[in-house]
Amino acid sequence: MIVKTKRKELTSVGVDIGTSTSHVVFSQIVLEKDDTSRTEKFEIKERRVLHSGPIHLTPFRDARNIDFERLRDLLLHDYRTAGIEVSEIDTGAVIITGETAKKENAEWIVRALAGEAGKFVAATAGPNFESVLAAYGSGAVTKSADSGETIMNIDIGGGSSNAAVCKDGRVVATTAINVGGRLVATDEDQRIIRLEDTGRSLAEAVGLSLEIGHVLTETERKTLAESLAEALLECVQQKPFSDITSMLMMAPPLQYEGEIDCITFSGGVAEYIYESEKRVFNDLGVSLARAVKEQAEKAGLPVGKPEHKIRATVIGAGNFSLQVSGSTTFLSSGLNYPLRNLPVIEPHITTRKPSSSDVSMAIKRALSRFDLIEGVDPLILAFNNSVRPSYENLREFALGVVSALPNTVKNQTPIFMCFDADIGNSVGNVMKRETGIKNELLSIDEIRLKEGEFIDIGEPIIEDVVVPVVIKTLVFDSE
């Protein structure tokens, strides 16, 4: 099939629901067909912020629940101010971050907001994904490509700090730690009115006894801030962890052995590190920024400035979460979009000329690794460098996939597949022709997925063959 469309403009939204603040950014994303590509692959050629909404304090109904109605009203007001209708939004992401992701109604809220924010807006959470989005939104990824330097971006918000190492225009390592400026907050009289579980645990670890109503002294505030800063520096410098640092870690430790040429800070606390915010919000933000800055200088870290600070994550969510499939896809007409939160399962096939039994066994082993029930649990099979595109190879491959999914075939549940090479349409056609299955089939390509990721897929945006995709981690913790 020859795709006639040359250019496609999309309107994207990014929504960041953080421990301290929430905000929205609207962007325009321009897709253009690469005429030099034999597969007519569309590439994202331009990203432009159309409107940045104001910074809102995240509303809470109580200590364990976000106030959905107030939050929704704030964000919808931002839509009206921007002059953008919900129906005009083509794509984007809602991300819930830090301590907010642990609230009891976090998962429900982020999915509800995603459903109301536009046609294809992904619901996302998870510290490593936040690290990636902040690295893109801060400008660190682009700077690493343009300068040739290795950049570490550290996004310090209200409940967490998310670090990403950027090299040659890619994020190569991430980690996250419960270091944030709003783990403890007070009123004007310094009485504690908000105390996150992490803040309470930290206080106990440094010998303080904090409760709601306790008057927080400046000495106590400084002790908490310095302990948080020490943990953050241990984390990003890959030093041996103290007990406090180990307690605060939210993700596996950073794994990067090379030199770091420049460290940039983003997030709300970064506004104080770079002295661009003068207001105070009766939390740990100012003290934490001072402690991080002092300890970074003492350690001789090469600190530079980011392009964006407090809005880094939301810009990343709106501008950089989207990918698009190749043009050589197979999409059954009866599929219902959007497809949300499909876990990625990657069968490990060791030869590019596998037999049907090789393919079948690889899929069954992959399913068992994730305790997924075939035919019951929705999922997408990701095949990377797994089959040569000759008819006989594709036939064996298709027979193997169908053999591994007997309940899916029997129940006529849709089959979802993704390939890193441009063979999606070929696999789909051969599978339908050679196996006789009646299932709806989605076979997309030119996207490389990894096991452990989740994927959202929207309805086709270009001539019924190119679909928008958001790849993410999705981790909720309401314990």
Protein backbone atom coordinates (compact mmCIF):
# COMPACT_ATOMS: atom_id res chain seq x y z
CA MET A 1 0.00 0.00 0.00
CA ILE A 2 1.26 3.46 -0.92
CA VAL A 3 0.52 6.07 1.75
CA LYS A 4 -0.38 9.36 0.09
CA THR A 5 -0.38 11.53 3.23
CA LYS A 6 2.85 13.50 3.61
CA ARG A 7 2.24 15.45 6.82
CA LYS A 8 -0.03 15.16 9.86
CA GLU A 9 -0.46 17.66 12.71
CA LEU A 10 -1.61 16.42 16.12
CA THR A 11 -2.68 18.34 19.21
CA SER A 12 -1.25 16.80 22.37
CA VAL A 13 -1.87 17.35 26.08
CA GLY A 14 0.37 16.60 29.02
CA VAL A 15 -1.06 16.52 32.55
CA ASP A 16 1.19 16.12 35.59
CA ILE A 17 -0.50 15.39 38.94
CA GLY A 18 2.27 15.78 41.48
CA THR A 19 2.66 15.68 45.24
CA SER A 20 2.86 19.48 45.42
CA THR A 21 1.49 20.81 42.17
CA SER A 22 -0.49 19.87 39.09
CA HIS A 23 -0.37 21.47 35.67
CA VAL A 24 -1.22 21.01 32.01
CA VAL A 25 0.64 21.80 28.79
CA PHE A 26 -0.81 21.73 25.26
CA SER A 27 1.50 21.04 22.33
CA GLN A 28 1.48 20.55 18.59
CA ILE A 29 3.25 17.50 17.18
CA VAL A 30 4.02 17.34 13.45
CA LEU A 31 4.46 13.98 11.71
CA GLU A 32 6.10 13.84 8.28
CA LYS A 33 6.65 10.87 5.99
CA ASP A 34 10.27 9.98 5.36
CA ASP A 35 10.37 9.77 1.57
CA THR A 36 13.82 8.17 1.70
CA SER A 37 12.46 5.22 3.70
CA ARG A 38 11.29 2.22 1.69
CA THR A 39 8.69 1.54 4.40
CA GLU A 40 7.20 5.07 4.30
CA LYS A 41 7.78 5.46 8.03
CA PHE A 42 6.41 8.63 9.62
CA GLU A 43 8.73 10.54 11.93
CA ILE A 44 8.02 13.24 14.50
CA LYS A 45 9.61 16.32 12.93
CA GLU A 46 8.42 19.12 15.17
CA ARG A 47 7.18 19.63 18.71
CA ARG A 48 5.89 23.01 19.81
CA VAL A 49 4.26 24.11 23.08
CA LEU A 50 0.96 25.86 22.32
CA HIS A 51 -0.06 26.79 25.86
CA SER A 52 1.28 26.23 29.37
CA GLY A 53 -1.34 26.29 32.08
CA PRO A 54 -0.73 27.82 35.51
CA ILE A 55 0.80 25.84 38.36
CA HIS A 56 -1.97 24.54 40.67
CA LEU A 57 -1.52 23.18 44.17
CA THR A 58 -2.73 19.57 43.94
CA PRO A 59 -6.08 19.40 45.80
CA PHE A 60 -6.59 16.63 48.35
CA ARG A 61 -9.86 15.53 49.93
CA ASP A 62 -7.99 14.04 52.90
CA ALA A 63 -4.58 12.57 53.69
CA ARG A 64 -5.13 9.53 51.48
CA ASN A 65 -7.33 10.74 48.63
CA ILE A 66 -6.97 13.28 45.83
CA ASP A 67 -9.96 15.60 45.30
CA PHE A 68 -10.98 14.50 41.80
CA GLU A 69 -13.76 17.04 41.25
CA ARG A 70 -11.62 20.05 42.17
CA LEU A 71 -8.68 18.76 40.14
CA ARG A 72 -10.85 18.11 37.08
CA ASP A 73 -12.41 21.57 37.32
CA LEU A 74 -8.97 23.20 37.50
CA LEU A 75 -7.74 21.34 34.44
CA LEU A 76 -10.90 21.92 32.39
CA HIS A 77 -10.58 25.64 33.17
CA ASP A 78 -7.08 25.44 31.67
CA TYR A 79 -8.58 23.91 28.51
CA ARG A 80 -11.00 26.84 28.22
CA THR A 81 -8.24 29.38 28.83
CA ALA A 82 -6.14 27.77 26.10
CA GLY A 83 -9.12 27.84 23.72
CA ILE A 84 -8.81 24.10 23.14
CA GLU A 85 -11.73 21.67 23.25
CA VAL A 86 -11.31 18.19 24.69
CA SER A 87 -12.51 16.84 21.32
CA GLU A 88 -9.53 18.52 19.63
CA ILE A 89 -6.95 16.55 21.63
CA ASP A 90 -5.44 13.75 19.55
CA THR A 91 -2.96 12.29 22.01
CA GLY A 92 -0.96 12.88 25.19
CA ALA A 93 -0.45 11.51 28.67
CA VAL A 94 -1.66 12.00 32.22
CA ILE A 95 1.07 11.09 34.70
CA ILE A 96 0.67 10.87 38.45
CA THR A 97 3.91 11.17 40.35
CA GLY A 98 5.67 11.00 43.69
CA GLU A 99 3.65 10.46 46.85
CA THR A 100 0.45 11.23 44.93
CA ALA A 101 0.77 7.91 43.07
CA LYS A 102 0.42 6.15 46.44
CA LYS A 103 -2.96 7.68 47.28
CA GLU A 104 -5.86 5.27 47.54
CA ASN A 105 -7.76 6.70 44.57
CA ALA A 106 -4.69 7.45 42.41
CA GLU A 107 -5.22 4.71 39.85
CA TRP A 108 -8.90 5.51 39.38
CA ILE A 109 -8.24 9.25 39.07
CA VAL A 110 -5.48 9.04 36.49
CA ARG A 111 -7.56 6.72 34.31
CA ALA A 112 -10.65 8.88 34.70
CA LEU A 113 -8.75 12.03 33.75
CA ALA A 114 -7.14 10.27 30.79
CA GLY A 115 -10.60 9.25 29.59
CA GLU A 116 -11.85 12.84 29.79
CA ALA A 117 -8.72 14.59 28.48
CA GLY A 118 -8.96 13.65 24.79
CA LYS A 119 -9.28 10.90 22.18
CA PHE A 120 -6.09 9.03 23.00
CA VAL A 121 -4.53 10.14 26.26
CA ALA A 122 -2.50 7.57 28.18
CA ALA A 123 -2.86 7.03 31.93
CA THR A 124 0.62 6.63 33.38
CA ALA A 125 2.52 6.31 36.62
CA GLY A 126 5.81 4.92 37.77
CA PRO A 127 9.08 6.51 38.86
CA ASN A 128 11.27 5.33 35.98
CA PHE A 129 8.84 6.60 33.35
CA GLU A 130 8.71 9.93 35.18
CA SER A 131 12.52 10.06 35.04
CA VAL A 132 12.41 9.63 31.26
CA LEU A 133 9.68 12.24 30.72
CA ALA A 134 11.45 14.79 32.92
CA ALA A 135 14.73 14.20 31.10
CA TYR A 136 13.05 14.94 27.78
CA GLY A 137 11.01 17.87 29.08
CA SER A 138 13.95 19.51 30.83
CA GLY A 139 15.94 19.53 27.60
CA ALA A 140 18.63 17.16 28.90
CA VAL A 141 18.09 14.56 26.17
CA THR A 142 18.31 17.13 23.39
CA LYS A 143 21.35 18.76 25.01
CA SER A 144 23.15 15.41 25.17
CA ALA A 145 22.56 14.96 21.43
CA ASP A 146 23.58 18.49 20.46
CA SER A 147 26.63 18.83 22.72
CA GLY A 148 27.92 15.27 22.80
CA GLU A 149 27.99 15.52 26.60
CA THR A 150 26.56 12.99 29.01
CA ILE A 151 23.88 14.80 31.01
CA MET A 152 22.24 13.66 34.22
CA ASN A 153 18.90 15.32 34.92
CA ILE A 154 17.50 15.13 38.45
CA ASP A 155 13.85 16.12 38.76
CA ILE A 156 13.07 17.01 42.39
CA GLY A 157 9.37 17.34 43.09
CA GLY A 158 7.17 17.30 46.14
CA GLY A 159 7.41 13.59 46.88
CA SER A 160 10.20 12.11 44.79
CA SER A 161 13.39 12.76 42.86
CA ASN A 162 13.79 11.10 39.48
CA ALA A 163 17.20 10.84 37.85
CA ALA A 164 18.03 10.02 34.24
CA VAL A 165 21.38 9.76 32.47
CA CYS A 166 21.19 11.06 28.89
CA LYS A 167 23.79 10.20 26.25
CA ASP A 168 23.73 10.80 22.48
CA GLY A 169 20.08 11.84 22.56
CA ARG A 170 18.86 8.81 24.54
CA VAL A 171 18.06 8.00 28.14
CA VAL A 172 20.48 5.23 29.09
CA ALA A 173 19.86 4.85 32.85
CA THR A 174 17.25 5.89 35.41
CA THR A 175 16.48 5.67 39.09
CA ALA A 176 14.16 7.28 41.63
CA ILE A 177 14.17 8.02 45.34
CA ASN A 178 11.57 9.36 47.80
CA VAL A 179 13.26 12.74 48.20
CA GLY A 180 10.88 15.67 47.83
CA GLY A 181 10.00 19.07 49.17
CA ARG A 182 6.49 18.33 50.39
CA LEU A 183 6.90 15.22 52.51
CA VAL A 184 6.17 17.57 55.42
CA ALA A 185 4.12 20.79 55.18
CA THR A 186 3.04 23.33 57.79
CA ASP A 187 0.66 26.25 58.17
CA GLU A 188 1.78 29.84 58.70
CA ASP A 189 2.41 29.10 62.39
CA GLN A 190 4.70 26.17 61.44
CA ARG A 191 2.24 23.58 62.72
CA ILE A 192 2.38 20.41 60.64
CA ILE A 193 -0.76 20.04 58.53
CA ARG A 194 0.54 17.40 56.12
CA LEU A 195 2.82 14.50 56.94
CA GLU A 196 3.38 11.83 54.30
CA ASP A 197 4.23 8.32 55.49
CA THR A 198 7.71 8.75 53.99
CA GLY A 199 8.16 11.99 55.92
CA ARG A 200 7.16 10.29 59.16
CA SER A 201 9.56 7.38 58.52
CA LEU A 202 12.40 9.76 57.71
CA ALA A 203 11.77 11.74 60.88
CA GLU A 204 11.91 8.57 62.98
CA ALA A 205 15.14 7.54 61.26
CA VAL A 206 16.84 10.83 62.23
CA GLY A 207 15.50 10.79 65.78
CA LEU A 208 12.56 13.17 65.41
CA SER A 209 8.98 12.58 66.52
CA LEU A 210 6.59 14.36 64.18
CA GLU A 211 2.79 14.37 64.24
CA ILE A 212 0.03 16.48 62.74
CA GLY A 213 -0.16 19.67 64.83
CA HIS A 214 3.48 19.53 65.93
CA VAL A 215 5.28 22.88 65.61
CA LEU A 216 8.20 22.26 63.26
CA THR A 217 11.33 24.09 64.37
CA GLU A 218 13.88 25.47 61.93
CA THR A 219 16.43 23.00 63.30
CA GLU A 220 14.09 20.07 62.61
CA ARG A 221 13.37 21.37 59.11
CA LYS A 222 17.09 21.66 58.40
CA THR A 223 17.77 18.16 59.75
CA LEU A 224 15.13 16.65 57.48
CA ALA A 225 16.32 18.59 54.43
CA GLU A 226 19.98 17.71 54.92
CA SER A 227 19.15 14.02 55.40
CA LEU A 228 17.11 14.04 52.19
CA ALA A 229 19.89 15.80 50.28
CA GLU A 230 22.49 13.31 51.55
CA ALA A 231 20.33 10.41 50.41
CA LEU A 232 19.81 11.98 46.98
CA LEU A 233 23.53 12.56 46.47
CA GLU A 234 24.35 9.00 47.56
CA CYS A 235 21.77 7.74 45.08
CA VAL A 236 22.96 9.68 42.02
CA GLN A 237 26.68 9.32 42.81
CA GLN A 238 26.22 5.55 43.18
CA LYS A 239 27.86 5.54 46.60
CA PRO A 240 27.22 2.83 49.21
CA PHE A 241 23.74 3.41 50.59
CA SER A 242 23.06 4.41 54.17
CA ASP A 243 20.04 2.88 55.88
CA ILE A 244 18.08 6.06 55.15
CA THR A 245 18.93 6.01 51.45
CA SER A 246 17.99 2.34 51.20
CA MET A 247 14.66 3.09 52.89
CA LEU A 248 13.91 5.94 50.47
CA MET A 249 14.75 4.18 47.19
CA MET A 250 11.75 3.79 44.87
CA ALA A 251 13.49 2.00 41.99
CA PRO A 252 16.61 -0.13 41.47
CA PRO A 253 19.90 1.76 41.95
CA LEU A 254 21.38 3.71 39.07
CA GLN A 255 23.47 1.55 36.74
CA TYR A 256 25.88 3.74 34.78
CA GLU A 257 29.66 3.41 34.71
CA GLY A 258 30.66 6.35 32.50
CA GLU A 259 31.55 9.95 33.31
CA ILE A 260 28.85 12.58 33.82
CA ASP A 261 29.72 15.86 32.11
CA CYS A 262 26.85 17.95 33.46
CA ILE A 263 24.07 17.63 36.05
CA THR A 264 20.86 19.62 35.66
CA PHE A 265 17.98 19.90 38.11
CA SER A 266 14.31 20.20 37.21
CA GLY A 267 11.05 19.98 39.15
CA GLY A 268 9.58 22.38 41.67
CA VAL A 269 12.56 22.30 44.04
CA ALA A 270 14.83 23.27 41.13
CA GLU A 271 13.07 26.64 41.03
CA TYR A 272 14.75 27.32 44.39
CA ILE A 273 18.09 25.76 43.43
CA TYR A 274 18.38 28.22 40.52
CA GLU A 275 16.74 31.02 42.56
CA SER A 276 13.92 31.61 40.07
CA GLU A 277 11.15 31.25 42.68
CA LYS A 278 10.84 33.61 45.64
CA ARG A 279 7.53 32.44 47.12
CA VAL A 280 7.50 29.89 49.94
CA PHE A 281 4.86 27.21 50.48
CA ASN A 282 5.56 26.21 54.10
CA ASP A 283 7.17 22.89 53.26
CA LEU A 284 10.72 21.53 52.92
CA GLY A 285 11.27 22.92 49.41
CA VAL A 286 13.49 25.91 50.20
CA SER A 287 15.55 24.05 52.81
CA LEU A 288 15.95 21.01 50.56
CA ALA A 289 17.09 23.16 47.63
CA ARG A 290 19.67 24.87 49.82
CA ALA A 291 20.97 21.54 51.15
CA VAL A 292 21.17 19.96 47.68
CA LYS A 293 22.99 22.99 46.28
CA GLU A 294 25.49 23.11 49.14
CA GLN A 295 26.21 19.38 49.08
CA ALA A 296 26.54 19.33 45.27
CA GLU A 297 29.05 22.18 45.41
CA LYS A 298 30.97 20.46 48.21
CA ALA A 299 31.13 17.26 46.14
CA GLY A 300 32.38 19.22 43.12
CA LEU A 301 29.51 18.10 40.89
CA PRO A 302 29.34 19.80 37.45
CA VAL A 303 25.97 21.55 37.81
CA GLY A 304 24.45 23.25 34.77
CA LYS A 305 21.05 24.76 33.96
CA PRO A 306 18.10 23.01 32.28
CA GLU A 307 15.84 24.48 29.63
CA HIS A 308 12.73 23.81 31.74
CA LYS A 309 12.40 23.27 35.49
CA ILE A 310 9.02 22.85 37.22
CA ARG A 311 7.23 22.02 33.94
CA ALA A 312 9.78 19.44 32.75
CA THR A 313 7.64 16.35 33.45
CA VAL A 314 4.43 17.78 31.99
CA ILE A 315 6.25 18.96 28.86
CA GLY A 316 7.73 15.49 28.55
CA ALA A 317 4.29 13.92 28.94
CA GLY A 318 2.74 16.12 26.27
CA ASN A 319 5.61 16.28 23.79
CA PHE A 320 7.63 13.11 24.09
CA SER A 321 5.34 10.26 25.18
CA LEU A 322 4.01 9.60 21.66
CA GLN A 323 5.41 7.18 19.11
CA VAL A 324 3.87 6.08 15.82
CA SER A 325 3.84 2.68 14.18
CA GLY A 326 5.14 1.91 10.73
CA SER A 327 2.91 2.04 7.67
CA THR A 328 3.10 -1.73 7.03
CA THR A 329 0.62 -2.80 9.70
CA PHE A 330 -2.26 -5.27 9.74
CA LEU A 331 -5.31 -3.93 11.57
CA SER A 332 -8.58 -5.86 11.58
CA SER A 333 -11.62 -3.67 11.01
CA GLY A 334 -13.42 -4.85 14.15
CA LEU A 335 -10.87 -3.64 16.72
CA ASN A 336 -12.09 -1.19 19.36
CA TYR A 337 -9.72 1.68 20.17
CA PRO A 338 -8.09 2.87 22.28
CA LEU A 339 -6.38 -0.24 23.59
CA ARG A 340 -5.05 0.56 27.04
CA ASN A 341 -2.49 -0.87 29.43
CA LEU A 342 -1.52 -3.95 27.44
CA PRO A 343 1.39 -5.66 29.21
CA VAL A 344 4.29 -6.36 26.87
CA ILE A 345 5.35 -10.01 26.70
CA GLU A 346 8.55 -10.71 24.75
CA PRO A 347 9.03 -14.34 23.67
CA HIS A 348 12.74 -15.08 23.42
CA ILE A 349 13.29 -16.77 20.05
CA THR A 350 16.93 -17.66 19.48
CA THR A 351 16.86 -18.17 15.70
CA ARG A 352 15.47 -16.09 12.84
CA LYS A 353 14.21 -19.26 11.12
CA PRO A 354 12.20 -20.75 13.98
CA SER A 355 9.91 -23.72 13.62
CA SER A 356 6.31 -23.42 14.73
CA SER A 357 7.16 -25.39 17.88
CA ASP A 358 10.06 -22.99 18.64
CA VAL A 359 7.68 -20.03 18.45
CA SER A 360 4.97 -21.77 20.46
CA MET A 361 7.31 -22.78 23.28
CA ALA A 362 8.86 -19.29 23.45
CA ILE A 363 5.41 -17.72 23.85
CA LYS A 364 4.36 -20.22 26.52
CA ARG A 365 7.55 -19.60 28.50
CA ALA A 366 7.01 -15.83 28.27
CA LEU A 367 3.44 -16.15 29.54
CA SER A 368 4.58 -18.26 32.48
CA ARG A 369 7.17 -15.63 33.49
CA PHE A 370 4.37 -13.15 34.12
CA ASP A 371 1.77 -15.53 35.54
CA LEU A 372 -0.63 -14.49 32.78
CA ILE A 373 -3.56 -16.72 31.85
CA GLU A 374 -3.67 -17.29 28.11
CA GLY A 375 -7.05 -16.41 26.67
CA VAL A 376 -8.06 -14.41 29.75
CA ASP A 377 -5.47 -11.69 30.37
CA PRO A 378 -5.04 -9.04 27.64
CA LEU A 379 -1.45 -8.64 26.39
CA ILE A 380 0.67 -7.79 23.38
CA LEU A 381 3.40 -10.10 22.08
CA ALA A 382 6.59 -8.24 21.15
CA PHE A 383 8.92 -9.88 18.64
CA ASN A 384 12.34 -8.34 18.11
CA ASN A 385 14.67 -9.64 15.39
CA SER A 386 12.71 -12.87 15.48
CA VAL A 387 11.74 -13.97 11.95
CA ARG A 388 13.04 -13.60 8.40
CA PRO A 389 10.37 -12.32 6.00
CA SER A 390 10.13 -15.26 3.60
CA TYR A 391 6.71 -16.83 3.09
CA GLU A 392 7.70 -20.20 4.56
CA ASN A 393 9.29 -18.57 7.63
CA LEU A 394 6.22 -16.38 8.15
CA ARG A 395 3.95 -19.41 7.78
CA GLU A 396 5.85 -21.38 10.43
CA PHE A 397 5.86 -18.32 12.66
CA ALA A 398 2.10 -17.78 12.30
CA LEU A 399 1.34 -21.43 13.02
CA GLY A 400 3.50 -21.23 16.15
CA VAL A 401 1.70 -18.15 17.47
CA VAL A 402 -1.73 -19.70 16.94
CA SER A 403 -0.58 -22.99 18.52
CA ALA A 404 0.50 -21.15 21.67
CA LEU A 405 -2.86 -19.36 22.04
CA PRO A 406 -5.56 -22.09 21.93
CA ASN A 407 -7.93 -20.39 24.38
CA THR A 408 -7.50 -17.03 22.68
CA VAL A 409 -8.36 -18.62 19.33
CA LYS A 410 -11.29 -20.59 20.78
CA ASN A 411 -12.77 -17.53 22.52
CA GLN A 412 -12.08 -15.36 19.45
CA THR A 413 -10.27 -12.86 21.65
CA PRO A 414 -8.21 -10.29 19.68
CA ILE A 415 -4.53 -11.12 19.12
CA PHE A 416 -2.07 -8.23 19.50
CA MET A 417 1.50 -8.35 18.14
CA CYS A 418 4.30 -5.84 17.63
CA PHE A 419 7.47 -6.24 15.52
CA ASP A 420 10.61 -4.14 15.42
CA ALA A 421 10.97 -4.73 11.66
CA ASP A 422 8.52 -3.80 8.89
CA ILE A 423 6.70 -7.15 8.71
CA GLY A 424 3.46 -6.44 10.59
CA ASN A 425 1.25 -6.57 7.51
CA SER A 426 2.97 -9.67 6.13
CA VAL A 427 2.58 -11.59 9.39
CA GLY A 428 -1.08 -10.59 9.68
CA ASN A 429 -1.94 -11.62 6.13
CA VAL A 430 -0.12 -14.94 6.35
CA MET A 431 -1.66 -15.72 9.75
CA LYS A 432 -5.18 -15.10 8.48
CA ARG A 433 -4.59 -17.04 5.25
CA GLU A 434 -2.71 -20.05 6.61
CA THR A 435 -4.43 -20.65 9.96
CA GLY A 436 -8.04 -19.72 9.23
CA ILE A 437 -8.49 -17.99 12.60
CA LYS A 438 -11.50 -15.69 13.02
CA ASN A 439 -9.92 -13.50 15.71
CA GLU A 440 -9.54 -9.77 15.27
CA LEU A 441 -5.84 -9.14 14.69
CA LEU A 442 -3.52 -6.21 15.33
CA SER A 443 -0.01 -6.57 13.98
CA ILE A 444 1.99 -3.33 14.16
CA ASP A 445 5.64 -2.77 13.36
CA GLU A 446 8.73 -0.57 13.44
CA ILE A 447 8.42 -0.15 17.21
CA ARG A 448 10.71 -1.96 19.62
CA LEU A 449 9.00 -3.00 22.84
CA LYS A 450 10.61 -4.49 25.94
CA GLU A 451 9.21 -6.95 28.42
CA GLY A 452 7.86 -5.22 31.51
CA GLU A 453 6.53 -2.22 29.61
CA PHE A 454 2.88 -1.40 29.00
CA ILE A 455 1.44 0.02 25.81
CA ASP A 456 -1.58 2.09 24.80
CA ILE A 457 -2.64 2.07 21.15
CA GLY A 458 -4.99 4.63 19.60
CA GLU A 459 -7.16 4.45 16.51
CA PRO A 460 -5.35 4.90 13.18
CA ILE A 461 -4.36 8.49 12.47
CA ILE A 462 -3.06 8.15 8.91
CA GLU A 463 -4.98 6.28 6.18
CA ASP A 464 -6.08 3.45 8.50
CA VAL A 465 -2.54 2.02 8.76
CA VAL A 466 -0.49 4.20 11.13
CA VAL A 467 -1.45 4.05 14.81
CA PRO A 468 -0.31 6.25 17.71
CA VAL A 469 1.41 4.43 20.55
CA VAL A 470 2.41 5.36 24.09
CA ILE A 471 4.94 3.05 25.75
CA LYS A 472 5.11 3.33 29.51
CA THR A 473 5.63 1.77 32.88
CA LEU A 474 2.51 1.62 35.00
CA VAL A 475 3.02 1.19 38.73
CA PHE A 476 0.46 2.08 41.37
CA ASP A 477 1.07 1.73 45.10
CA SER A 478 -1.77 2.44 47.46
CA GLU A 479 -0.48 0.40 50.36
